[in-house]
Amino acid sequence: MDLDALAARLRESAALNPPLGYKVLFELEGLGELWWDGRESPALVETTAGEEPDCVLKLSAENAEKLLAGTLDPTMAFMMGKLKVEGSKGVAMKVASLLGD
């Protein structure tokens, strides 16, 4: 799956939930970056740089696809080292709860 397809999946997930209220950067190994500005409604999901994020989530593109498909639990991914978090762990937990729905 390419970056634009992952961005579309993230937009769909974000649209199904209340606004996140934070800025999140997904650093996708070997693919690029996705910026989620959850302060907006509907959420803005872009492939170009945004403002300083509240939280950075680092993972492979394959694991990002699984995460957005619901086949990889965010908490398990973090515990297994498949997902690394920089910045606010609280924001990361909110993202996990939104994606886990």
PDB file of N, CA and C in Angstrom:
ATOM      1  N   MET A   1       0.855  -1.170   0.000  1.00  0.00           N
ATOM      2  CA  MET A   1       0.000   0.000   0.000  1.00  0.00           C
ATOM      3  C   MET A   1       0.901   1.234   0.000  1.00  0.00           C
ATOM      4  N   ASP A   2       0.528   2.224  -0.798  1.00  0.00           N
ATOM      5  CA  ASP A   2       1.348   3.425  -0.873  1.00  0.00           C
ATOM      6  C   ASP A   2       0.892   4.459   0.171  1.00  0.00           C
ATOM      7  N   LEU A   3       1.625   5.548   0.234  1.00  0.00           N
ATOM      8  CA  LEU A   3       1.393   6.581   1.250  1.00  0.00           C
ATOM      9  C   LEU A   3       0.009   7.220   1.097  1.00  0.00           C
ATOM     10  N   ASP A   4      -0.416   7.473  -0.133  1.00  0.00           N
ATOM     11  CA  ASP A   4      -1.729   8.083  -0.342  1.00  0.00           C
ATOM     12  C   ASP A   4      -2.865   7.158   0.108  1.00  0.00           C
ATOM     13  N   ALA A   5      -2.708   5.867  -0.123  1.00  0.00           N
ATOM     14  CA  ALA A   5      -3.725   4.902   0.302  1.00  0.00           C
ATOM     15  C   ALA A   5      -3.791   4.823   1.827  1.00  0.00           C
ATOM     16  N   LEU A   6      -2.628   4.852   2.483  1.00  0.00           N
ATOM     17  CA  LEU A   6      -2.611   4.861   3.952  1.00  0.00           C
ATOM     18  C   LEU A   6      -3.234   6.142   4.490  1.00  0.00           C
ATOM     19  N   ALA A   7      -2.976   7.266   3.828  1.00  0.00           N
ATOM     20  CA  ALA A   7      -3.579   8.540   4.244  1.00  0.00           C
ATOM     21  C   ALA A   7      -5.101   8.455   4.140  1.00  0.00           C
ATOM     22  N   ALA A   8      -5.598   7.856   3.082  1.00  0.00           N
ATOM     23  CA  ALA A   8      -7.046   7.707   2.910  1.00  0.00           C
ATOM     24  C   ALA A   8      -7.640   6.834   4.004  1.00  0.00           C
ATOM     25  N   ARG A   9      -6.955   5.750   4.352  1.00  0.00           N
ATOM     26  CA  ARG A   9      -7.431   4.864   5.432  1.00  0.00           C
ATOM     27  C   ARG A   9      -7.444   5.598   6.765  1.00  0.00           C
ATOM     28  N   LEU A  10      -6.414   6.405   7.022  1.00  0.00           N
ATOM     29  CA  LEU A  10      -6.354   7.165   8.272  1.00  0.00           C
ATOM     30  C   LEU A  10      -7.473   8.208   8.315  1.00  0.00           C
ATOM     31  N   ARG A  11      -7.740   8.855   7.190  1.00  0.00           N
ATOM     32  CA  ARG A  11      -8.851   9.826   7.128  1.00  0.00           C
ATOM     33  C   ARG A  11     -10.178   9.148   7.459  1.00  0.00           C
ATOM     34  N   GLU A  12     -10.382   7.950   6.915  1.00  0.00           N
ATOM     35  CA  GLU A  12     -11.613   7.200   7.190  1.00  0.00           C
ATOM     36  C   GLU A  12     -11.738   6.882   8.671  1.00  0.00           C
ATOM     37  N   SER A  13     -10.650   6.417   9.284  1.00  0.00           N
ATOM     38  CA  SER A  13     -10.667   6.091  10.717  1.00  0.00           C
ATOM     39  C   SER A  13     -10.926   7.334  11.553  1.00  0.00           C
ATOM     40  N   ALA A  14     -10.276   8.427  11.194  1.00  0.00           N
ATOM     41  CA  ALA A  14     -10.437   9.672  11.946  1.00  0.00           C
ATOM     42  C   ALA A  14     -11.862  10.199  11.830  1.00  0.00           C
ATOM     43  N   ALA A  15     -12.480  10.025  10.670  1.00  0.00           N
ATOM     44  CA  ALA A  15     -13.841  10.532  10.454  1.00  0.00           C
ATOM     45  C   ALA A  15     -14.876   9.789  11.284  1.00  0.00           C
ATOM     46  N   LEU A  16     -14.576   8.570  11.686  1.00  0.00           N
ATOM     47  CA  LEU A  16     -15.517   7.764  12.460  1.00  0.00           C
ATOM     48  C   LEU A  16     -15.486   8.079  13.948  1.00  0.00           C
ATOM     49  N   ASN A  17     -14.569   8.955  14.360  1.00  0.00           N
ATOM     50  CA  ASN A  17     -14.368   9.243  15.779  1.00  0.00           C
ATOM     51  C   ASN A  17     -14.458  10.738  16.046  1.00  0.00           C
ATOM     52  N   PRO A  18     -14.637  11.105  17.320  1.00  0.00           N
ATOM     53  CA  PRO A  18     -14.609  12.534  17.657  1.00  0.00           C
ATOM     54  C   PRO A  18     -13.211  13.096  17.398  1.00  0.00           C
ATOM     55  N   PRO A  19     -13.086  14.410  17.265  1.00  0.00           N
ATOM     56  CA  PRO A  19     -11.767  15.003  17.013  1.00  0.00           C
ATOM     57  C   PRO A  19     -10.751  14.596  18.077  1.00  0.00           C
ATOM     58  N   LEU A  20      -9.555  14.295  17.622  1.00  0.00           N
ATOM     59  CA  LEU A  20      -8.477  13.879  18.517  1.00  0.00           C
ATOM     60  C   LEU A  20      -8.010  15.039  19.398  1.00  0.00           C
ATOM     61  N   GLY A  21      -7.911  16.224  18.822  1.00  0.00           N
ATOM     62  CA  GLY A  21      -7.486  17.401  19.577  1.00  0.00           C
ATOM     63  C   GLY A  21      -5.984  17.619  19.621  1.00  0.00           C
ATOM     64  N   TYR A  22      -5.221  16.811  18.883  1.00  0.00           N
ATOM     65  CA  TYR A  22      -3.757  16.900  18.892  1.00  0.00           C
ATOM     66  C   TYR A  22      -3.219  16.703  17.481  1.00  0.00           C
ATOM     67  N   LYS A  23      -1.927  16.996  17.332  1.00  0.00           N
ATOM     68  CA  LYS A  23      -1.232  16.777  16.065  1.00  0.00           C
ATOM     69  C   LYS A  23      -0.333  15.548  16.222  1.00  0.00           C
ATOM     70  N   VAL A  24      -0.437  14.631  15.273  1.00  0.00           N
ATOM     71  CA  VAL A  24       0.330  13.387  15.339  1.00  0.00           C
ATOM     72  C   VAL A  24       1.069  13.191  14.021  1.00  0.00           C
ATOM     73  N   LEU A  25       2.325  12.802  14.128  1.00  0.00           N
ATOM     74  CA  LEU A  25       3.143  12.478  12.964  1.00  0.00           C
ATOM     75  C   LEU A  25       3.383  10.972  12.958  1.00  0.00           C
ATOM     76  N   PHE A  26       3.046  10.331  11.859  1.00  0.00           N
ATOM     77  CA  PHE A  26       3.368   8.918  11.643  1.00  0.00           C
ATOM     78  C   PHE A  26       4.608   8.883  10.758  1.00  0.00           C
ATOM     79  N   GLU A  27       5.728   8.393  11.281  1.00  0.00           N
ATOM     80  CA  GLU A  27       6.938   8.193  10.474  1.00  0.00           C
ATOM     81  C   GLU A  27       6.928   6.745  10.012  1.00  0.00           C
ATOM     82  N   LEU A  28       6.709   6.556   8.718  1.00  0.00           N
ATOM     83  CA  LEU A  28       6.567   5.222   8.153  1.00  0.00           C
ATOM     84  C   LEU A  28       7.865   4.820   7.458  1.00  0.00           C
ATOM     85  N   GLU A  29       8.549   3.894   8.066  1.00  0.00           N
ATOM     86  CA  GLU A  29       9.855   3.442   7.593  1.00  0.00           C
ATOM     87  C   GLU A  29       9.796   3.031   6.128  1.00  0.00           C
ATOM     88  N   GLY A  30      10.634   3.671   5.318  1.00  0.00           N
ATOM     89  CA  GLY A  30      10.733   3.329   3.910  1.00  0.00           C
ATOM     90  C   GLY A  30       9.609   3.864   3.043  1.00  0.00           C
ATOM     91  N   LEU A  31       8.688   4.655   3.610  1.00  0.00           N
ATOM     92  CA  LEU A  31       7.553   5.135   2.828  1.00  0.00           C
ATOM     93  C   LEU A  31       7.375   6.645   2.917  1.00  0.00           C
ATOM     94  N   GLY A  32       7.578   7.226   4.080  1.00  0.00           N
ATOM     95  CA  GLY A  32       7.408   8.664   4.246  1.00  0.00           C
ATOM     96  C   GLY A  32       6.690   8.999   5.541  1.00  0.00           C
ATOM     97  N   GLU A  33       6.006  10.136   5.536  1.00  0.00           N
ATOM     98  CA  GLU A  33       5.343  10.632   6.742  1.00  0.00           C
ATOM     99  C   GLU A  33       3.882  10.946   6.469  1.00  0.00           C
ATOM    100  N   LEU A  34       3.068  10.712   7.487  1.00  0.00           N
ATOM    101  CA  LEU A  34       1.672  11.126   7.474  1.00  0.00           C
ATOM    102  C   LEU A  34       1.454  12.053   8.660  1.00  0.00           C
ATOM    103  N   TRP A  35       0.854  13.195   8.411  1.00  0.00           N
ATOM    104  CA  TRP A  35       0.546  14.175   9.450  1.00  0.00           C
ATOM    105  C   TRP A  35      -0.950  14.156   9.709  1.00  0.00           C
ATOM    106  N   TRP A  36      -1.336  13.980  10.963  1.00  0.00           N
ATOM    107  CA  TRP A  36      -2.748  13.969  11.346  1.00  0.00           C
ATOM    108  C   TRP A  36      -2.971  15.157  12.263  1.00  0.00           C
ATOM    109  N   ASP A  37      -3.714  16.139  11.789  1.00  0.00           N
ATOM    110  CA  ASP A  37      -4.073  17.279  12.626  1.00  0.00           C
ATOM    111  C   ASP A  37      -5.485  17.026  13.125  1.00  0.00           C
ATOM    112  N   GLY A  38      -5.574  16.501  14.328  1.00  0.00           N
ATOM    113  CA  GLY A  38      -6.846  16.140  14.922  1.00  0.00           C
ATOM    114  C   GLY A  38      -7.539  17.290  15.616  1.00  0.00           C
ATOM    115  N   ARG A  39      -7.007  18.514  15.454  1.00  0.00           N
ATOM    116  CA  ARG A  39      -7.658  19.681  16.038  1.00  0.00           C
ATOM    117  C   ARG A  39      -8.790  20.154  15.151  1.00  0.00           C
ATOM    118  N   GLU A  40      -8.779  19.708  13.911  1.00  0.00           N
ATOM    119  CA  GLU A  40      -9.788  20.109  12.929  1.00  0.00           C
ATOM    120  C   GLU A  40     -10.915  19.072  12.881  1.00  0.00           C
ATOM    121  N   SER A  41     -12.050  19.488  12.386  1.00  0.00           N
ATOM    122  CA  SER A  41     -13.147  18.559  12.174  1.00  0.00           C
ATOM    123  C   SER A  41     -13.767  18.883  10.816  1.00  0.00           C
ATOM    124  N   PRO A  42     -13.614  18.029   9.820  1.00  0.00           N
ATOM    125  CA  PRO A  42     -12.969  16.724   9.878  1.00  0.00           C
ATOM    126  C   PRO A  42     -11.448  16.856   9.995  1.00  0.00           C
ATOM    127  N   ALA A  43     -10.840  15.804  10.479  1.00  0.00           N
ATOM    128  CA  ALA A  43      -9.394  15.798  10.687  1.00  0.00           C
ATOM    129  C   ALA A  43      -8.654  15.981   9.368  1.00  0.00           C
ATOM    130  N   LEU A  44      -7.540  16.678   9.436  1.00  0.00           N
ATOM    131  CA  LEU A  44      -6.681  16.846   8.267  1.00  0.00           C
ATOM    132  C   LEU A  44      -5.601  15.774   8.308  1.00  0.00           C
ATOM    133  N   VAL A  45      -5.495  15.013   7.261  1.00  0.00           N
ATOM    134  CA  VAL A  45      -4.449  14.005   7.132  1.00  0.00           C
ATOM    135  C   VAL A  45      -3.705  14.329   5.848  1.00  0.00           C
ATOM    136  N   GLU A  46      -2.431  14.629   5.973  1.00  0.00           N
ATOM    137  CA  GLU A  46      -1.616  15.078   4.843  1.00  0.00           C
ATOM    138  C   GLU A  46      -0.326  14.265   4.760  1.00  0.00           C
ATOM    139  N   THR A  47       0.282  14.304   3.592  1.00  0.00           N
ATOM    140  CA  THR A  47       1.581  13.654   3.399  1.00  0.00           C
ATOM    141  C   THR A  47       2.702  14.681   3.396  1.00  0.00           C
ATOM    142  N   THR A  48       2.362  15.936   3.684  1.00  0.00           N
ATOM    143  CA  THR A  48       3.367  16.994   3.743  1.00  0.00           C
ATOM    144  C   THR A  48       3.506  17.482   5.180  1.00  0.00           C
ATOM    145  N   ALA A  49       4.628  18.077   5.462  1.00  0.00           N
ATOM    146  CA  ALA A  49       4.948  18.511   6.820  1.00  0.00           C
ATOM    147  C   ALA A  49       3.926  19.510   7.345  1.00  0.00           C
ATOM    148  N   GLY A  50       3.622  19.350   8.617  1.00  0.00           N
ATOM    149  CA  GLY A  50       2.727  20.259   9.313  1.00  0.00           C
ATOM    150  C   GLY A  50       3.467  20.925  10.456  1.00  0.00           C
ATOM    151  N   GLU A  51       2.713  21.422  11.410  1.00  0.00           N
ATOM    152  CA  GLU A  51       3.304  22.045  12.593  1.00  0.00           C
ATOM    153  C   GLU A  51       3.966  20.984  13.469  1.00  0.00           C
ATOM    154  N   GLU A  52       4.678  21.442  14.484  1.00  0.00           N
ATOM    155  CA  GLU A  52       5.326  20.536  15.436  1.00  0.00           C
ATOM    156  C   GLU A  52       4.281  19.581  16.025  1.00  0.00           C
ATOM    157  N   PRO A  53       4.503  18.265  15.918  1.00  0.00           N
ATOM    158  CA  PRO A  53       3.507  17.319  16.430  1.00  0.00           C
ATOM    159  C   PRO A  53       3.562  17.187  17.953  1.00  0.00           C
ATOM    160  N   ASP A  54       2.434  16.792  18.526  1.00  0.00           N
ATOM    161  CA  ASP A  54       2.380  16.483  19.954  1.00  0.00           C
ATOM    162  C   ASP A  54       2.945  15.099  20.226  1.00  0.00           C
ATOM    163  N   CYS A  55       2.891  14.248  19.205  1.00  0.00           N
ATOM    164  CA  CYS A  55       3.326  12.858  19.346  1.00  0.00           C
ATOM    165  C   CYS A  55       3.840  12.368  17.996  1.00  0.00           C
ATOM    166  N   VAL A  56       4.905  11.569  18.036  1.00  0.00           N
ATOM    167  CA  VAL A  56       5.449  10.947  16.828  1.00  0.00           C
ATOM    168  C   VAL A  56       5.357   9.440  17.008  1.00  0.00           C
ATOM    169  N   LEU A  57       4.735   8.778  16.028  1.00  0.00           N
ATOM    170  CA  LEU A  57       4.622   7.325  16.033  1.00  0.00           C
ATOM    171  C   LEU A  57       5.483   6.789  14.899  1.00  0.00           C
ATOM    172  N   LYS A  58       6.448   5.934  15.241  1.00  0.00           N
ATOM    173  CA  LYS A  58       7.368   5.375  14.256  1.00  0.00           C
ATOM    174  C   LYS A  58       7.081   3.892  14.091  1.00  0.00           C
ATOM    175  N   LEU A  59       6.839   3.492  12.828  1.00  0.00           N
ATOM    176  CA  LEU A  59       6.574   2.094  12.542  1.00  0.00           C
ATOM    177  C   LEU A  59       6.779   1.838  11.058  1.00  0.00           C
ATOM    178  N   SER A  60       6.798   0.573  10.691  1.00  0.00           N
ATOM    179  CA  SER A  60       6.962   0.231   9.280  1.00  0.00           C
ATOM    180  C   SER A  60       5.648   0.478   8.549  1.00  0.00           C
ATOM    181  N   ALA A  61       5.738   0.626   7.251  1.00  0.00           N
ATOM    182  CA  ALA A  61       4.537   0.814   6.435  1.00  0.00           C
ATOM    183  C   ALA A  61       3.624  -0.407   6.542  1.00  0.00           C
ATOM    184  N   GLU A  62       4.225  -1.580   6.589  1.00  0.00           N
ATOM    185  CA  GLU A  62       3.446  -2.821   6.717  1.00  0.00           C
ATOM    186  C   GLU A  62       2.661  -2.840   8.028  1.00  0.00           C
ATOM    187  N   ASN A  63       3.320  -2.452   9.115  1.00  0.00           N
ATOM    188  CA  ASN A  63       2.627  -2.432  10.407  1.00  0.00           C
ATOM    189  C   ASN A  63       1.592  -1.310  10.471  1.00  0.00           C
ATOM    190  N   ALA A  64       1.837  -0.205   9.791  1.00  0.00           N
ATOM    191  CA  ALA A  64       0.843   0.870   9.731  1.00  0.00           C
ATOM    192  C   ALA A  64      -0.411   0.382   9.020  1.00  0.00           C
ATOM    193  N   GLU A  65      -0.218  -0.356   7.939  1.00  0.00           N
ATOM    194  CA  GLU A  65      -1.354  -0.911   7.203  1.00  0.00           C
ATOM    195  C   GLU A  65      -2.155  -1.861   8.095  1.00  0.00           C
ATOM    196  N   LYS A  66      -1.465  -2.710   8.841  1.00  0.00           N
ATOM    197  CA  LYS A  66      -2.139  -3.642   9.757  1.00  0.00           C
ATOM    198  C   LYS A  66      -2.859  -2.890  10.874  1.00  0.00           C
ATOM    199  N   LEU A  67      -2.224  -1.856  11.375  1.00  0.00           N
ATOM    200  CA  LEU A  67      -2.817  -1.047  12.444  1.00  0.00           C
ATOM    201  C   LEU A  67      -4.119  -0.412  11.976  1.00  0.00           C
ATOM    202  N   LEU A  68      -4.104   0.170  10.786  1.00  0.00           N
ATOM    203  CA  LEU A  68      -5.293   0.825  10.251  1.00  0.00           C
ATOM    204  C   LEU A  68      -6.365  -0.174   9.824  1.00  0.00           C
ATOM    205  N   ALA A  69      -5.966  -1.388   9.495  1.00  0.00           N
ATOM    206  CA  ALA A  69      -6.924  -2.429   9.124  1.00  0.00           C
ATOM    207  C   ALA A  69      -7.537  -3.092  10.357  1.00  0.00           C
ATOM    208  N   GLY A  70      -6.936  -2.839  11.523  1.00  0.00           N
ATOM    209  CA  GLY A  70      -7.445  -3.440  12.756  1.00  0.00           C
ATOM    210  C   GLY A  70      -6.906  -4.818  13.048  1.00  0.00           C
ATOM    211  N   THR A  71      -5.888  -5.252  12.303  1.00  0.00           N
ATOM    212  CA  THR A  71      -5.318  -6.578  12.531  1.00  0.00           C
ATOM    213  C   THR A  71      -4.080  -6.547  13.423  1.00  0.00           C
ATOM    214  N   LEU A  72      -3.651  -5.346  13.817  1.00  0.00           N
ATOM    215  CA  LEU A  72      -2.527  -5.192  14.746  1.00  0.00           C
ATOM    216  C   LEU A  72      -2.978  -4.269  15.865  1.00  0.00           C
ATOM    217  N   ASP A  73      -2.986  -4.791  17.069  1.00  0.00           N
ATOM    218  CA  ASP A  73      -3.373  -4.005  18.237  1.00  0.00           C
ATOM    219  C   ASP A  73      -2.264  -2.996  18.552  1.00  0.00           C
ATOM    220  N   PRO A  74      -2.611  -1.705  18.692  1.00  0.00           N
ATOM    221  CA  PRO A  74      -1.586  -0.685  18.948  1.00  0.00           C
ATOM    222  C   PRO A  74      -0.782  -0.934  20.221  1.00  0.00           C
ATOM    223  N   THR A  75      -1.439  -1.386  21.277  1.00  0.00           N
ATOM    224  CA  THR A  75      -0.734  -1.643  22.534  1.00  0.00           C
ATOM    225  C   THR A  75       0.246  -2.796  22.376  1.00  0.00           C
ATOM    226  N   MET A  76      -0.182  -3.862  21.711  1.00  0.00           N
ATOM    227  CA  MET A  76       0.708  -4.999  21.477  1.00  0.00           C
ATOM    228  C   MET A  76       1.869  -4.596  20.569  1.00  0.00           C
ATOM    229  N   ALA A  77       1.589  -3.777  19.558  1.00  0.00           N
ATOM    230  CA  ALA A  77       2.648  -3.317  18.664  1.00  0.00           C
ATOM    231  C   ALA A  77       3.703  -2.545  19.447  1.00  0.00           C
ATOM    232  N   PHE A  78       3.266  -1.705  20.380  1.00  0.00           N
ATOM    233  CA  PHE A  78       4.199  -0.942  21.208  1.00  0.00           C
ATOM    234  C   PHE A  78       5.007  -1.880  22.099  1.00  0.00           C
ATOM    235  N   MET A  79       4.333  -2.827  22.738  1.00  0.00           N
ATOM    236  CA  MET A  79       5.023  -3.746  23.653  1.00  0.00           C
ATOM    237  C   MET A  79       6.000  -4.655  22.921  1.00  0.00           C
ATOM    238  N   MET A  80       5.718  -4.967  21.659  1.00  0.00           N
ATOM    239  CA  MET A  80       6.593  -5.845  20.875  1.00  0.00           C
ATOM    240  C   MET A  80       7.677  -5.067  20.133  1.00  0.00           C
ATOM    241  N   GLY A  81       7.684  -3.737  20.279  1.00  0.00           N
ATOM    242  CA  GLY A  81       8.711  -2.927  19.631  1.00  0.00           C
ATOM    243  C   GLY A  81       8.425  -2.622  18.174  1.00  0.00           C
ATOM    244  N   LYS A  82       7.227  -2.933  17.699  1.00  0.00           N
ATOM    245  CA  LYS A  82       6.863  -2.646  16.308  1.00  0.00           C
ATOM    246  C   LYS A  82       6.414  -1.208  16.140  1.00  0.00           C
ATOM    247  N   LEU A  83       6.110  -0.545  17.244  1.00  0.00           N
ATOM    248  CA  LEU A  83       5.654   0.834  17.260  1.00  0.00           C
ATOM    249  C   LEU A  83       6.453   1.582  18.319  1.00  0.00           C
ATOM    250  N   LYS A  84       7.100   2.654  17.913  1.00  0.00           N
ATOM    251  CA  LYS A  84       7.862   3.474  18.841  1.00  0.00           C
ATOM    252  C   LYS A  84       7.164   4.822  18.973  1.00  0.00           C
ATOM    253  N   VAL A  85       7.180   5.369  20.199  1.00  0.00           N
ATOM    254  CA  VAL A  85       6.478   6.617  20.481  1.00  0.00           C
ATOM    255  C   VAL A  85       7.467   7.652  20.987  1.00  0.00           C
ATOM    256  N   GLU A  86       7.408   8.840  20.400  1.00  0.00           N
ATOM    257  CA  GLU A  86       8.173   9.991  20.887  1.00  0.00           C
ATOM    258  C   GLU A  86       7.169  11.089  21.206  1.00  0.00           C
ATOM    259  N   GLY A  87       7.418  11.807  22.265  1.00  0.00           N
ATOM    260  CA  GLY A  87       6.489  12.865  22.662  1.00  0.00           C
ATOM    261  C   GLY A  87       5.486  12.335  23.658  1.00  0.00           C
ATOM    262  N   SER A  88       4.292  12.871  23.616  1.00  0.00           N
ATOM    263  CA  SER A  88       3.259  12.566  24.594  1.00  0.00           C
ATOM    264  C   SER A  88       2.738  11.133  24.489  1.00  0.00           C
ATOM    265  N   LYS A  89       2.959  10.371  25.535  1.00  0.00           N
ATOM    266  CA  LYS A  89       2.434   8.999  25.587  1.00  0.00           C
ATOM    267  C   LYS A  89       0.907   9.026  25.743  1.00  0.00           C
ATOM    268  N   GLY A  90       0.384  10.078  26.389  1.00  0.00           N
ATOM    269  CA  GLY A  90      -1.061  10.217  26.546  1.00  0.00           C
ATOM    270  C   GLY A  90      -1.748  10.378  25.204  1.00  0.00           C
ATOM    271  N   VAL A  91      -1.148  11.167  24.309  1.00  0.00           N
ATOM    272  CA  VAL A  91      -1.710  11.345  22.968  1.00  0.00           C
ATOM    273  C   VAL A  91      -1.627  10.010  22.216  1.00  0.00           C
ATOM    274  N   ALA A  92      -0.520   9.294  22.374  1.00  0.00           N
ATOM    275  CA  ALA A  92      -0.374   7.991  21.719  1.00  0.00           C
ATOM    276  C   ALA A  92      -1.476   7.029  22.179  1.00  0.00           C
ATOM    277  N   MET A  93      -1.827   7.086  23.473  1.00  0.00           N
ATOM    278  CA  MET A  93      -2.883   6.230  23.992  1.00  0.00           C
ATOM    279  C   MET A  93      -4.247   6.618  23.404  1.00  0.00           C
ATOM    280  N   LYS A  94      -4.462   7.927  23.201  1.00  0.00           N
ATOM    281  CA  LYS A  94      -5.724   8.372  22.572  1.00  0.00           C
ATOM    282  C   LYS A  94      -5.795   7.885  21.126  1.00  0.00           C
ATOM    283  N   VAL A  95      -4.675   7.974  20.426  1.00  0.00           N
ATOM    284  CA  VAL A  95      -4.634   7.476  19.041  1.00  0.00           C
ATOM    285  C   VAL A  95      -4.939   5.985  19.030  1.00  0.00           C
ATOM    286  N   ALA A  96      -4.318   5.244  19.951  1.00  0.00           N
ATOM    287  CA  ALA A  96      -4.546   3.802  20.027  1.00  0.00           C
ATOM    288  C   ALA A  96      -6.017   3.472  20.277  1.00  0.00           C
ATOM    289  N   SER A  97      -6.667   4.236  21.148  1.00  0.00           N
ATOM    290  CA  SER A  97      -8.070   3.960  21.427  1.00  0.00           C
ATOM    291  C   SER A  97      -8.941   4.285  20.218  1.00  0.00           C
ATOM    292  N   LEU A  98      -8.597   5.318  19.454  1.00  0.00           N
ATOM    293  CA  LEU A  98      -9.371   5.657  18.268  1.00  0.00           C
ATOM    294  C   LEU A  98      -9.179   4.619  17.165  1.00  0.00           C
ATOM    295  N   LEU A  99      -7.942   4.149  16.997  1.00  0.00           N
ATOM    296  CA  LEU A  99      -7.672   3.178  15.944  1.00  0.00           C
ATOM    297  C   LEU A  99      -8.123   1.775  16.340  1.00  0.00           C
ATOM    298  N   GLY A 100      -8.247   1.553  17.632  1.00  0.00           N
ATOM    299  CA  GLY A 100      -8.660   0.237  18.109  1.00  0.00           C
ATOM    300  C   GLY A 100     -10.144  -0.020  18.002  1.00  0.00           C
ATOM    301  N   ASP A 101     -10.915   1.034  17.711  1.00  0.00           N
ATOM    302  CA  ASP A 101     -12.378   0.880  17.605  1.00  0.00           C
ATOM    303  C   ASP A 101     -12.765   0.117  16.364  1.00  0.00           C
TER     304      ASP A 101
END
